[in-house]
Amino acid sequence: MIKVFGFPLSPFVRKVHVVAAEKAIEIEMVLGRPGEPSAEFLAASPFRKIPALQDGDFTLSDSTAIVTYLDALKPDPPIAPGHARERARAIWFEEFADTILIAAGGKVLFNRFVGPQLLGLPGDEAAAQQGLKELEPIMAYLESQAPAEGWLTGGDFSIGDIAVAVTLRSLGYIALEPDAASHPRTAAWYDRVKARPSWQTVAAREAAVMDRALPR
């Protein structure tokens, strides 16, 4: 069975889980953090990037590389649209989520949740406030792009939808998921993603892990 190393709070780990669920690829979730690496994890991810994958004697790290592997392993249903413009938009939204949305939101997530509640570290509220400021135009852009119906590329559900949605779920731990009052189109699109069976399966599994991880 394919092993996926990482902690489900990470949007990058969650991205791989959702893609696997969409494709009905069975995976074994191996919990671990880069700061506490096992030998098995280091063999799959020598630079301690999560997620990491082990499929027999094949190892790989980085979420984009891993979902590319899963998509090739089981092409149906595809996560990259066939139409040139739709495929390009799907890749753009994955990049947007991985390097722009999480860069801003991560400042809030780490300093208000991950550091204080999971790692026992003091949060930097000034950094969190900077992240909130950076999120404003990012969420405004997403609102301008969210479709009234369907998916971000204008075509089928894709890696673009998955990458953005998994990042928003991480922001939900600090009450920053899209609000229907301020971002109605984004919130409606996000609700459509959350209604997918793959999402519900991954979310339930994550909730069980987080319930055990959080301090009582």
N, C-alpha and C. Protein backbone atom coordinates (compact mmCIF):
# COMPACT_ATOMS: atom_id res chain seq x y z
N MET A 1 0.84 -1.20 0.00
CA MET A 1 0.00 0.00 0.00
C MET A 1 0.87 1.25 0.00
N ILE A 2 0.40 2.28 -0.66
CA ILE A 2 1.12 3.56 -0.68
C ILE A 2 1.06 4.21 0.69
N LYS A 3 2.21 4.64 1.19
CA LYS A 3 2.28 5.37 2.45
C LYS A 3 2.45 6.86 2.17
N VAL A 4 1.72 7.68 2.91
CA VAL A 4 1.86 9.13 2.82
C VAL A 4 2.22 9.63 4.21
N PHE A 5 3.40 10.24 4.32
CA PHE A 5 3.91 10.74 5.60
C PHE A 5 3.52 12.21 5.75
N GLY A 6 3.18 12.59 6.97
CA GLY A 6 2.89 13.99 7.24
C GLY A 6 1.80 14.12 8.27
N PHE A 7 1.46 15.38 8.58
CA PHE A 7 0.43 15.68 9.56
C PHE A 7 -0.74 16.32 8.82
N PRO A 8 -1.98 15.87 9.06
CA PRO A 8 -3.10 16.30 8.22
C PRO A 8 -3.46 17.77 8.32
N LEU A 9 -2.97 18.49 9.33
CA LEU A 9 -3.22 19.92 9.39
C LEU A 9 -2.58 20.65 8.21
N SER A 10 -1.50 20.10 7.68
CA SER A 10 -0.80 20.72 6.55
C SER A 10 -1.68 20.69 5.31
N PRO A 11 -1.87 21.84 4.64
CA PRO A 11 -2.65 21.82 3.40
C PRO A 11 -1.99 20.98 2.32
N PHE A 12 -0.68 20.87 2.35
CA PHE A 12 0.02 20.08 1.34
C PHE A 12 -0.23 18.59 1.54
N VAL A 13 -0.24 18.16 2.78
CA VAL A 13 -0.58 16.77 3.08
C VAL A 13 -2.04 16.52 2.73
N ARG A 14 -2.91 17.44 3.12
CA ARG A 14 -4.34 17.29 2.84
C ARG A 14 -4.60 17.22 1.34
N LYS A 15 -3.85 17.98 0.56
CA LYS A 15 -4.01 17.96 -0.90
C LYS A 15 -3.82 16.54 -1.44
N VAL A 16 -2.77 15.87 -0.98
CA VAL A 16 -2.50 14.51 -1.43
C VAL A 16 -3.63 13.57 -1.00
N HIS A 17 -4.10 13.72 0.23
CA HIS A 17 -5.17 12.86 0.73
C HIS A 17 -6.44 13.02 -0.11
N VAL A 18 -6.78 14.26 -0.46
CA VAL A 18 -8.00 14.50 -1.23
C VAL A 18 -7.86 13.93 -2.65
N VAL A 19 -6.71 14.14 -3.27
CA VAL A 19 -6.49 13.58 -4.61
C VAL A 19 -6.60 12.06 -4.57
N ALA A 20 -5.98 11.43 -3.58
CA ALA A 20 -6.07 9.98 -3.46
C ALA A 20 -7.51 9.53 -3.28
N ALA A 21 -8.28 10.26 -2.47
CA ALA A 21 -9.68 9.91 -2.24
C ALA A 21 -10.51 10.10 -3.51
N GLU A 22 -10.23 11.17 -4.26
CA GLU A 22 -10.95 11.39 -5.52
C GLU A 22 -10.73 10.23 -6.48
N LYS A 23 -9.53 9.68 -6.47
CA LYS A 23 -9.18 8.61 -7.40
C LYS A 23 -9.39 7.21 -6.82
N ALA A 24 -9.89 7.16 -5.59
CA ALA A 24 -10.09 5.88 -4.91
C ALA A 24 -8.79 5.08 -4.83
N ILE A 25 -7.69 5.79 -4.58
CA ILE A 25 -6.40 5.15 -4.34
C ILE A 25 -6.23 4.98 -2.84
N GLU A 26 -6.08 3.77 -2.39
CA GLU A 26 -5.96 3.53 -0.96
C GLU A 26 -4.56 3.92 -0.50
N ILE A 27 -4.51 4.71 0.57
CA ILE A 27 -3.22 5.12 1.13
C ILE A 27 -3.20 4.83 2.62
N GLU A 28 -2.01 4.68 3.14
CA GLU A 28 -1.81 4.57 4.58
C GLU A 28 -1.25 5.89 5.07
N MET A 29 -1.96 6.53 6.00
CA MET A 29 -1.50 7.80 6.55
C MET A 29 -0.51 7.50 7.68
N VAL A 30 0.72 7.99 7.52
CA VAL A 30 1.75 7.79 8.53
C VAL A 30 2.01 9.15 9.16
N LEU A 31 1.59 9.31 10.41
CA LEU A 31 1.73 10.59 11.08
C LEU A 31 3.18 10.88 11.38
N GLY A 32 3.55 12.13 11.24
CA GLY A 32 4.91 12.53 11.54
C GLY A 32 5.12 14.00 11.26
N ARG A 33 6.07 14.58 11.95
CA ARG A 33 6.42 15.98 11.75
C ARG A 33 7.89 16.07 11.34
N PRO A 34 8.24 17.05 10.50
CA PRO A 34 9.64 17.18 10.09
C PRO A 34 10.61 17.32 11.25
N GLY A 35 10.15 17.90 12.37
CA GLY A 35 11.03 18.07 13.52
C GLY A 35 11.27 16.79 14.29
N GLU A 36 10.45 15.78 14.01
CA GLU A 36 10.59 14.50 14.70
C GLU A 36 10.61 13.39 13.65
N PRO A 37 11.63 13.36 12.79
CA PRO A 37 11.61 12.45 11.64
C PRO A 37 11.97 11.02 12.03
N SER A 38 11.24 10.09 11.43
CA SER A 38 11.63 8.69 11.54
C SER A 38 12.59 8.37 10.41
N ALA A 39 13.29 7.26 10.53
CA ALA A 39 14.21 6.86 9.46
C ALA A 39 13.45 6.60 8.17
N GLU A 40 12.25 6.06 8.28
CA GLU A 40 11.43 5.77 7.11
C GLU A 40 11.02 7.07 6.41
N PHE A 41 10.65 8.07 7.19
CA PHE A 41 10.29 9.36 6.62
C PHE A 41 11.50 10.01 5.93
N LEU A 42 12.65 9.98 6.58
CA LEU A 42 13.84 10.60 6.00
C LEU A 42 14.28 9.91 4.72
N ALA A 43 14.03 8.62 4.62
CA ALA A 43 14.37 7.92 3.39
C ALA A 43 13.51 8.40 2.23
N ALA A 44 12.27 8.77 2.54
CA ALA A 44 11.36 9.26 1.50
C ALA A 44 11.51 10.75 1.27
N SER A 45 11.97 11.48 2.30
CA SER A 45 12.05 12.94 2.20
C SER A 45 13.31 13.43 2.88
N PRO A 46 14.46 13.34 2.22
CA PRO A 46 15.73 13.70 2.86
C PRO A 46 15.82 15.16 3.27
N PHE A 47 15.01 16.03 2.66
CA PHE A 47 15.01 17.44 3.05
C PHE A 47 13.85 17.77 3.99
N ARG A 48 13.21 16.72 4.50
CA ARG A 48 12.16 16.83 5.52
C ARG A 48 10.93 17.60 5.04
N LYS A 49 10.64 17.53 3.76
CA LYS A 49 9.43 18.14 3.24
C LYS A 49 8.25 17.20 3.45
N ILE A 50 7.11 17.77 3.84
CA ILE A 50 5.88 16.98 3.91
C ILE A 50 4.89 17.55 2.90
N PRO A 51 4.12 16.63 2.31
CA PRO A 51 4.08 15.19 2.51
C PRO A 51 5.23 14.48 1.81
N ALA A 52 5.42 13.25 2.19
CA ALA A 52 6.34 12.35 1.49
C ALA A 52 5.58 11.07 1.18
N LEU A 53 6.02 10.40 0.13
CA LEU A 53 5.32 9.18 -0.33
C LEU A 53 6.30 8.03 -0.45
N GLN A 54 5.82 6.85 -0.08
CA GLN A 54 6.57 5.62 -0.32
C GLN A 54 5.62 4.62 -0.98
N ASP A 55 5.97 4.19 -2.16
CA ASP A 55 5.18 3.19 -2.88
C ASP A 55 6.14 2.07 -3.27
N GLY A 56 6.23 1.07 -2.41
CA GLY A 56 7.23 0.02 -2.62
C GLY A 56 8.62 0.61 -2.48
N ASP A 57 9.43 0.49 -3.53
CA ASP A 57 10.78 1.03 -3.48
C ASP A 57 10.86 2.44 -4.08
N PHE A 58 9.70 3.02 -4.38
CA PHE A 58 9.66 4.36 -4.97
C PHE A 58 9.31 5.37 -3.89
N THR A 59 10.12 6.41 -3.76
CA THR A 59 9.86 7.46 -2.77
C THR A 59 9.85 8.82 -3.44
N LEU A 60 9.13 9.75 -2.82
CA LEU A 60 8.94 11.07 -3.42
C LEU A 60 8.48 12.03 -2.35
N SER A 61 8.88 13.29 -2.45
CA SER A 61 8.34 14.31 -1.56
C SER A 61 7.87 15.50 -2.39
N ASP A 62 7.11 16.37 -1.75
CA ASP A 62 6.47 17.56 -2.34
C ASP A 62 5.10 17.19 -2.88
N SER A 63 4.10 17.96 -2.46
CA SER A 63 2.72 17.62 -2.80
C SER A 63 2.45 17.66 -4.30
N THR A 64 3.01 18.63 -5.00
CA THR A 64 2.76 18.72 -6.44
C THR A 64 3.34 17.52 -7.17
N ALA A 65 4.53 17.11 -6.80
CA ALA A 65 5.14 15.92 -7.41
C ALA A 65 4.31 14.68 -7.09
N ILE A 66 3.83 14.59 -5.86
CA ILE A 66 3.10 13.39 -5.46
C ILE A 66 1.75 13.30 -6.17
N VAL A 67 1.02 14.42 -6.26
CA VAL A 67 -0.28 14.33 -6.94
C VAL A 67 -0.10 14.09 -8.43
N THR A 68 1.00 14.57 -9.00
CA THR A 68 1.31 14.25 -10.40
C THR A 68 1.51 12.75 -10.57
N TYR A 69 2.19 12.14 -9.62
CA TYR A 69 2.40 10.69 -9.65
C TYR A 69 1.07 9.94 -9.53
N LEU A 70 0.22 10.37 -8.58
CA LEU A 70 -1.06 9.71 -8.39
C LEU A 70 -1.94 9.85 -9.62
N ASP A 71 -1.88 11.03 -10.25
CA ASP A 71 -2.70 11.26 -11.44
C ASP A 71 -2.26 10.37 -12.59
N ALA A 72 -0.97 10.14 -12.71
CA ALA A 72 -0.46 9.25 -13.75
C ALA A 72 -0.72 7.79 -13.41
N LEU A 73 -0.68 7.49 -12.13
CA LEU A 73 -0.90 6.11 -11.68
C LEU A 73 -2.33 5.67 -11.97
N LYS A 74 -3.28 6.59 -11.75
CA LYS A 74 -4.69 6.29 -12.01
C LYS A 74 -5.31 7.51 -12.70
N PRO A 75 -5.25 7.56 -14.01
CA PRO A 75 -5.64 8.77 -14.74
C PRO A 75 -7.12 9.14 -14.64
N ASP A 76 -7.97 8.20 -14.28
CA ASP A 76 -9.41 8.48 -14.24
C ASP A 76 -9.91 8.41 -12.80
N PRO A 77 -10.53 9.48 -12.29
CA PRO A 77 -10.78 10.76 -12.96
C PRO A 77 -9.54 11.65 -12.96
N PRO A 78 -9.33 12.41 -14.00
CA PRO A 78 -8.15 13.28 -14.04
C PRO A 78 -8.31 14.48 -13.11
N ILE A 79 -7.19 14.99 -12.63
CA ILE A 79 -7.24 16.21 -11.83
C ILE A 79 -6.70 17.41 -12.61
N ALA A 80 -6.22 17.16 -13.82
CA ALA A 80 -5.75 18.24 -14.70
C ALA A 80 -6.64 18.24 -15.94
N PRO A 81 -7.36 19.32 -16.20
CA PRO A 81 -8.26 19.36 -17.36
C PRO A 81 -7.50 19.16 -18.67
N GLY A 82 -8.20 18.69 -19.68
CA GLY A 82 -7.58 18.46 -20.98
C GLY A 82 -7.46 19.71 -21.82
N HIS A 83 -8.39 20.64 -21.67
CA HIS A 83 -8.36 21.87 -22.45
C HIS A 83 -7.18 22.73 -22.01
N ALA A 84 -6.47 23.31 -22.94
CA ALA A 84 -5.23 24.04 -22.64
C ALA A 84 -5.46 25.15 -21.62
N ARG A 85 -6.47 25.97 -21.83
CA ARG A 85 -6.68 27.11 -20.93
C ARG A 85 -7.14 26.64 -19.55
N GLU A 86 -7.99 25.64 -19.53
CA GLU A 86 -8.46 25.13 -18.24
C GLU A 86 -7.32 24.46 -17.47
N ARG A 87 -6.48 23.73 -18.17
CA ARG A 87 -5.34 23.10 -17.48
C ARG A 87 -4.39 24.16 -16.93
N ALA A 88 -4.14 25.19 -17.72
CA ALA A 88 -3.25 26.26 -17.26
C ALA A 88 -3.83 26.95 -16.03
N ARG A 89 -5.15 27.18 -16.02
CA ARG A 89 -5.78 27.81 -14.86
C ARG A 89 -5.72 26.89 -13.64
N ALA A 90 -5.87 25.59 -13.86
CA ALA A 90 -5.78 24.66 -12.74
C ALA A 90 -4.40 24.72 -12.09
N ILE A 91 -3.36 24.74 -12.91
CA ILE A 91 -2.00 24.83 -12.38
C ILE A 91 -1.76 26.17 -11.71
N TRP A 92 -2.31 27.23 -12.29
CA TRP A 92 -2.18 28.55 -11.68
C TRP A 92 -2.80 28.56 -10.28
N PHE A 93 -4.00 28.01 -10.14
CA PHE A 93 -4.65 28.05 -8.83
C PHE A 93 -3.92 27.17 -7.82
N GLU A 94 -3.30 26.10 -8.26
CA GLU A 94 -2.47 25.32 -7.34
C GLU A 94 -1.28 26.16 -6.88
N GLU A 95 -0.65 26.84 -7.81
CA GLU A 95 0.48 27.70 -7.46
C GLU A 95 0.04 28.85 -6.56
N PHE A 96 -1.08 29.45 -6.87
CA PHE A 96 -1.65 30.52 -6.05
C PHE A 96 -1.85 30.05 -4.61
N ALA A 97 -2.43 28.86 -4.46
CA ALA A 97 -2.67 28.34 -3.11
C ALA A 97 -1.37 28.03 -2.39
N ASP A 98 -0.44 27.39 -3.10
CA ASP A 98 0.78 26.89 -2.47
C ASP A 98 1.78 27.98 -2.12
N THR A 99 1.75 29.10 -2.85
CA THR A 99 2.80 30.11 -2.65
C THR A 99 2.28 31.49 -2.27
N ILE A 100 1.00 31.77 -2.47
CA ILE A 100 0.47 33.09 -2.17
C ILE A 100 -0.51 33.03 -1.00
N LEU A 101 -1.55 32.20 -1.14
CA LEU A 101 -2.56 32.10 -0.08
C LEU A 101 -1.95 31.58 1.22
N ILE A 102 -1.17 30.51 1.15
CA ILE A 102 -0.61 29.94 2.38
C ILE A 102 0.50 30.81 2.96
N ALA A 103 1.20 31.57 2.10
CA ALA A 103 2.25 32.44 2.63
C ALA A 103 1.68 33.50 3.56
N ALA A 104 0.53 34.03 3.20
CA ALA A 104 -0.12 35.03 4.05
C ALA A 104 -0.85 34.35 5.20
N GLY A 105 -1.70 33.39 4.88
CA GLY A 105 -2.49 32.74 5.92
C GLY A 105 -1.65 31.97 6.92
N GLY A 106 -0.52 31.45 6.48
CA GLY A 106 0.34 30.69 7.37
C GLY A 106 0.89 31.53 8.52
N LYS A 107 1.05 32.83 8.29
CA LYS A 107 1.53 33.70 9.37
C LYS A 107 0.51 33.76 10.52
N VAL A 108 -0.75 33.74 10.16
CA VAL A 108 -1.80 33.75 11.17
C VAL A 108 -1.94 32.36 11.78
N LEU A 109 -1.95 31.35 10.93
CA LEU A 109 -2.14 29.98 11.40
C LEU A 109 -1.05 29.57 12.38
N PHE A 110 0.20 29.86 12.05
CA PHE A 110 1.28 29.45 12.93
C PHE A 110 1.25 30.20 14.25
N ASN A 111 1.05 31.50 14.19
CA ASN A 111 1.18 32.32 15.40
C ASN A 111 -0.04 32.30 16.30
N ARG A 112 -1.19 31.88 15.76
CA ARG A 112 -2.38 31.82 16.60
C ARG A 112 -2.82 30.40 16.91
N PHE A 113 -2.28 29.41 16.17
CA PHE A 113 -2.75 28.04 16.40
C PHE A 113 -1.61 27.03 16.52
N VAL A 114 -0.82 26.88 15.46
CA VAL A 114 0.19 25.81 15.45
C VAL A 114 1.21 26.00 16.57
N GLY A 115 1.79 27.20 16.65
CA GLY A 115 2.79 27.46 17.68
C GLY A 115 2.23 27.31 19.08
N PRO A 116 1.20 28.11 19.44
CA PRO A 116 0.69 28.06 20.82
C PRO A 116 0.02 26.74 21.20
N GLN A 117 -0.76 26.13 20.29
CA GLN A 117 -1.58 24.99 20.69
C GLN A 117 -0.94 23.63 20.41
N LEU A 118 -0.09 23.56 19.41
CA LEU A 118 0.50 22.26 19.06
C LEU A 118 1.96 22.13 19.43
N LEU A 119 2.69 23.25 19.41
CA LEU A 119 4.13 23.19 19.66
C LEU A 119 4.55 23.80 21.00
N GLY A 120 3.61 24.44 21.69
CA GLY A 120 3.94 25.07 22.96
C GLY A 120 4.84 26.28 22.82
N LEU A 121 4.75 26.98 21.67
CA LEU A 121 5.58 28.15 21.42
C LEU A 121 4.73 29.41 21.50
N PRO A 122 5.31 30.52 21.94
CA PRO A 122 4.53 31.76 21.96
C PRO A 122 4.27 32.26 20.54
N GLY A 123 3.09 32.79 20.35
CA GLY A 123 2.76 33.35 19.04
C GLY A 123 3.21 34.78 18.92
N ASP A 124 3.48 35.20 17.70
CA ASP A 124 3.87 36.58 17.39
C ASP A 124 2.64 37.26 16.78
N GLU A 125 1.93 38.03 17.61
CA GLU A 125 0.69 38.63 17.14
C GLU A 125 0.92 39.67 16.06
N ALA A 126 2.05 40.33 16.08
CA ALA A 126 2.35 41.30 15.02
C ALA A 126 2.47 40.60 13.67
N ALA A 127 3.10 39.42 13.67
CA ALA A 127 3.20 38.65 12.43
C ALA A 127 1.83 38.17 11.98
N ALA A 128 1.00 37.77 12.94
CA ALA A 128 -0.36 37.34 12.60
C ALA A 128 -1.15 38.49 11.98
N GLN A 129 -1.03 39.67 12.55
CA GLN A 129 -1.74 40.83 12.01
C GLN A 129 -1.25 41.17 10.61
N GLN A 130 0.05 41.00 10.37
CA GLN A 130 0.59 41.23 9.03
C GLN A 130 -0.02 40.23 8.04
N GLY A 131 -0.15 38.98 8.47
CA GLY A 131 -0.77 37.97 7.63
C GLY A 131 -2.22 38.31 7.31
N LEU A 132 -2.95 38.81 8.29
CA LEU A 132 -4.34 39.20 8.05
C LEU A 132 -4.43 40.33 7.03
N LYS A 133 -3.53 41.26 7.12
CA LYS A 133 -3.50 42.37 6.16
C LYS A 133 -3.21 41.87 4.75
N GLU A 134 -2.26 40.94 4.65
CA GLU A 134 -1.92 40.38 3.34
C GLU A 134 -3.05 39.55 2.75
N LEU A 135 -3.85 38.93 3.61
CA LEU A 135 -4.95 38.09 3.14
C LEU A 135 -6.06 38.89 2.47
N GLU A 136 -6.24 40.14 2.84
CA GLU A 136 -7.38 40.91 2.33
C GLU A 136 -7.42 40.96 0.81
N PRO A 137 -6.36 41.42 0.13
CA PRO A 137 -6.43 41.45 -1.34
C PRO A 137 -6.41 40.05 -1.96
N ILE A 138 -5.82 39.08 -1.28
CA ILE A 138 -5.80 37.71 -1.79
C ILE A 138 -7.21 37.13 -1.81
N MET A 139 -7.94 37.33 -0.71
CA MET A 139 -9.31 36.84 -0.67
C MET A 139 -10.21 37.62 -1.62
N ALA A 140 -9.92 38.89 -1.80
CA ALA A 140 -10.69 39.69 -2.78
C ALA A 140 -10.48 39.14 -4.18
N TYR A 141 -9.24 38.77 -4.49
CA TYR A 141 -8.96 38.18 -5.80
C TYR A 141 -9.71 36.86 -5.97
N LEU A 142 -9.67 36.02 -4.94
CA LEU A 142 -10.36 34.74 -5.03
C LEU A 142 -11.86 34.94 -5.22
N GLU A 143 -12.41 35.91 -4.55
CA GLU A 143 -13.84 36.22 -4.72
C GLU A 143 -14.13 36.63 -6.16
N SER A 144 -13.22 37.35 -6.78
CA SER A 144 -13.43 37.78 -8.16
C SER A 144 -13.33 36.61 -9.14
N GLN A 145 -12.68 35.53 -8.74
CA GLN A 145 -12.47 34.39 -9.62
C GLN A 145 -13.44 33.24 -9.37
N ALA A 146 -14.04 33.20 -8.20
CA ALA A 146 -14.92 32.09 -7.86
C ALA A 146 -16.16 32.12 -8.76
N PRO A 147 -16.50 30.99 -9.37
CA PRO A 147 -17.63 30.96 -10.29
C PRO A 147 -18.96 30.87 -9.54
N ALA A 148 -20.01 31.36 -10.17
CA ALA A 148 -21.34 31.24 -9.58
C ALA A 148 -21.75 29.78 -9.49
N GLU A 149 -21.30 28.97 -10.44
CA GLU A 149 -21.55 27.54 -10.44
C GLU A 149 -20.27 26.84 -10.87
N GLY A 150 -20.15 25.57 -10.53
CA GLY A 150 -19.02 24.80 -11.02
C GLY A 150 -17.71 25.12 -10.33
N TRP A 151 -16.61 25.06 -11.14
CA TRP A 151 -15.28 25.01 -10.56
C TRP A 151 -14.39 26.13 -11.09
N LEU A 152 -13.23 26.29 -10.45
CA LEU A 152 -12.39 27.47 -10.70
C LEU A 152 -11.88 27.57 -12.13
N THR A 153 -11.67 26.45 -12.79
CA THR A 153 -11.13 26.51 -14.15
C THR A 153 -12.19 26.83 -15.19
N GLY A 154 -13.45 26.75 -14.79
CA GLY A 154 -14.53 26.89 -15.75
C GLY A 154 -14.95 25.56 -16.33
N GLY A 155 -14.19 24.50 -16.01
CA GLY A 155 -14.49 23.16 -16.50
C GLY A 155 -14.72 22.22 -15.34
N ASP A 156 -14.08 21.06 -15.39
CA ASP A 156 -14.28 20.04 -14.37
C ASP A 156 -13.51 20.38 -13.09
N PHE A 157 -13.91 19.72 -12.01
CA PHE A 157 -13.19 19.78 -10.74
C PHE A 157 -11.74 19.40 -10.98
N SER A 158 -10.81 20.17 -10.39
CA SER A 158 -9.40 19.96 -10.73
C SER A 158 -8.50 20.19 -9.52
N ILE A 159 -7.22 20.00 -9.77
CA ILE A 159 -6.21 20.25 -8.73
C ILE A 159 -6.24 21.69 -8.26
N GLY A 160 -6.67 22.61 -9.11
CA GLY A 160 -6.79 24.00 -8.68
C GLY A 160 -7.80 24.16 -7.57
N ASP A 161 -8.97 23.53 -7.72
CA ASP A 161 -9.99 23.58 -6.67
C ASP A 161 -9.48 22.91 -5.40
N ILE A 162 -8.83 21.77 -5.56
CA ILE A 162 -8.35 21.03 -4.40
C ILE A 162 -7.31 21.85 -3.63
N ALA A 163 -6.33 22.41 -4.34
CA ALA A 163 -5.25 23.14 -3.67
C ALA A 163 -5.75 24.36 -2.91
N VAL A 164 -6.67 25.11 -3.51
CA VAL A 164 -7.20 26.28 -2.82
C VAL A 164 -8.05 25.85 -1.63
N ALA A 165 -8.91 24.86 -1.83
CA ALA A 165 -9.80 24.45 -0.75
C ALA A 165 -9.05 23.87 0.44
N VAL A 166 -8.02 23.07 0.19
CA VAL A 166 -7.30 22.47 1.33
C VAL A 166 -6.57 23.54 2.14
N THR A 167 -6.16 24.62 1.48
CA THR A 167 -5.54 25.72 2.21
C THR A 167 -6.57 26.46 3.04
N LEU A 168 -7.75 26.68 2.48
CA LEU A 168 -8.81 27.34 3.24
C LEU A 168 -9.22 26.51 4.45
N ARG A 169 -9.18 25.18 4.32
CA ARG A 169 -9.52 24.36 5.49
C ARG A 169 -8.52 24.58 6.62
N SER A 170 -7.25 24.70 6.29
CA SER A 170 -6.27 24.99 7.34
C SER A 170 -6.58 26.32 8.01
N LEU A 171 -6.99 27.30 7.22
CA LEU A 171 -7.33 28.60 7.80
C LEU A 171 -8.59 28.52 8.66
N GLY A 172 -9.38 27.46 8.47
CA GLY A 172 -10.55 27.28 9.31
C GLY A 172 -10.20 27.06 10.77
N TYR A 173 -8.99 26.59 11.05
CA TYR A 173 -8.57 26.41 12.44
C TYR A 173 -8.39 27.74 13.16
N ILE A 174 -8.34 28.82 12.41
CA ILE A 174 -8.25 30.15 13.02
C ILE A 174 -9.43 31.01 12.55
N ALA A 175 -10.53 30.35 12.22
CA ALA A 175 -11.79 31.02 11.85
C ALA A 175 -11.65 31.94 10.65
N LEU A 176 -10.86 31.51 9.65
CA LEU A 176 -10.66 32.34 8.47
C LEU A 176 -11.14 31.66 7.19
N GLU A 177 -11.99 30.64 7.31
CA GLU A 177 -12.62 30.11 6.11
C GLU A 177 -13.52 31.19 5.51
N PRO A 178 -13.81 31.13 4.20
CA PRO A 178 -14.59 32.20 3.57
C PRO A 178 -15.96 32.38 4.20
N ASP A 179 -16.31 33.62 4.42
CA ASP A 179 -17.56 34.01 5.05
C ASP A 179 -18.55 34.39 3.96
N ALA A 180 -19.75 33.82 4.01
CA ALA A 180 -20.76 34.09 2.99
C ALA A 180 -21.17 35.55 2.96
N ALA A 181 -21.02 36.25 4.08
CA ALA A 181 -21.41 37.66 4.11
C ALA A 181 -20.42 38.54 3.36
N SER A 182 -19.13 38.24 3.50
CA SER A 182 -18.11 39.10 2.87
C SER A 182 -17.59 38.53 1.55
N HIS A 183 -17.63 37.20 1.40
CA HIS A 183 -17.12 36.56 0.19
C HIS A 183 -18.11 35.48 -0.27
N PRO A 184 -19.29 35.90 -0.73
CA PRO A 184 -20.35 34.92 -1.01
C PRO A 184 -20.03 33.94 -2.11
N ARG A 185 -19.37 34.39 -3.19
CA ARG A 185 -19.08 33.48 -4.28
C ARG A 185 -18.03 32.44 -3.86
N THR A 186 -17.02 32.91 -3.12
CA THR A 186 -16.00 31.99 -2.63
C THR A 186 -16.60 30.98 -1.66
N ALA A 187 -17.46 31.46 -0.76
CA ALA A 187 -18.07 30.58 0.22
C ALA A 187 -18.95 29.53 -0.46
N ALA A 188 -19.70 29.92 -1.50
CA ALA A 188 -20.57 28.97 -2.19
C ALA A 188 -19.74 27.93 -2.94
N TRP A 189 -18.66 28.38 -3.58
CA TRP A 189 -17.77 27.43 -4.26
C TRP A 189 -17.15 26.47 -3.25
N TYR A 190 -16.71 27.00 -2.12
CA TYR A 190 -16.08 26.18 -1.09
C TYR A 190 -17.06 25.15 -0.54
N ASP A 191 -18.31 25.54 -0.39
CA ASP A 191 -19.33 24.60 0.06
C ASP A 191 -19.50 23.46 -0.95
N ARG A 192 -19.39 23.76 -2.22
CA ARG A 192 -19.49 22.71 -3.24
C ARG A 192 -18.34 21.72 -3.12
N VAL A 193 -17.14 22.25 -2.85
CA VAL A 193 -15.99 21.35 -2.65
C VAL A 193 -16.23 20.47 -1.43
N LYS A 194 -16.69 21.07 -0.34
CA LYS A 194 -16.87 20.33 0.90
C LYS A 194 -17.97 19.28 0.81
N ALA A 195 -18.84 19.40 -0.17
CA ALA A 195 -19.92 18.42 -0.34
C ALA A 195 -19.45 17.16 -1.06
N ARG A 196 -18.26 17.19 -1.63
CA ARG A 196 -17.77 16.02 -2.38
C ARG A 196 -17.44 14.88 -1.41
N PRO A 197 -17.77 13.65 -1.77
CA PRO A 197 -17.48 12.52 -0.88
C PRO A 197 -16.00 12.40 -0.51
N SER A 198 -15.11 12.70 -1.45
CA SER A 198 -13.68 12.62 -1.16
C SER A 198 -13.30 13.56 -0.03
N TRP A 199 -13.84 14.77 -0.09
CA TRP A 199 -13.54 15.78 0.92
C TRP A 199 -14.06 15.33 2.28
N GLN A 200 -15.27 14.82 2.31
CA GLN A 200 -15.87 14.43 3.58
C GLN A 200 -15.11 13.27 4.22
N THR A 201 -14.61 12.36 3.40
CA THR A 201 -13.82 11.25 3.93
C THR A 201 -12.53 11.76 4.57
N VAL A 202 -11.83 12.64 3.87
CA VAL A 202 -10.57 13.18 4.37
C VAL A 202 -10.80 14.05 5.60
N ALA A 203 -11.86 14.86 5.58
CA ALA A 203 -12.14 15.76 6.70
C ALA A 203 -12.46 14.97 7.97
N ALA A 204 -13.19 13.88 7.83
CA ALA A 204 -13.53 13.06 9.00
C ALA A 204 -12.28 12.42 9.59
N ARG A 205 -11.40 11.93 8.73
CA ARG A 205 -10.16 11.32 9.19
C ARG A 205 -9.28 12.35 9.89
N GLU A 206 -9.22 13.54 9.30
CA GLU A 206 -8.42 14.61 9.91
C GLU A 206 -8.98 15.02 11.26
N ALA A 207 -10.29 15.13 11.36
CA ALA A 207 -10.91 15.54 12.63
C ALA A 207 -10.56 14.58 13.75
N ALA A 208 -10.52 13.29 13.44
CA ALA A 208 -10.18 12.29 14.45
C ALA A 208 -8.73 12.46 14.92
N VAL A 209 -7.83 12.74 13.98
CA VAL A 209 -6.41 12.93 14.33
C VAL A 209 -6.25 14.21 15.15
N MET A 210 -6.88 15.29 14.73
CA MET A 210 -6.73 16.56 15.42
C MET A 210 -7.35 16.52 16.81
N ASP A 211 -8.40 15.76 16.97
CA ASP A 211 -9.03 15.63 18.29
C ASP A 211 -8.05 15.01 19.28
N ARG A 212 -7.22 14.08 18.80
CA ARG A 212 -6.23 13.47 19.69
C ARG A 212 -5.02 14.37 19.90
N ALA A 213 -4.72 15.23 18.91
CA ALA A 213 -3.52 16.05 18.98
C ALA A 213 -3.68 17.29 19.86
N LEU A 214 -4.89 17.83 19.89
CA LEU A 214 -5.08 19.08 20.62
C LEU A 214 -5.09 18.86 22.12
N PRO A 215 -4.51 19.80 22.86
CA PRO A 215 -4.49 19.68 24.31
C PRO A 215 -5.89 19.77 24.89
N ARG A 216 -6.10 19.04 25.94
CA ARG A 216 -7.43 19.03 26.61
C ARG A 216 -7.51 20.16 27.63
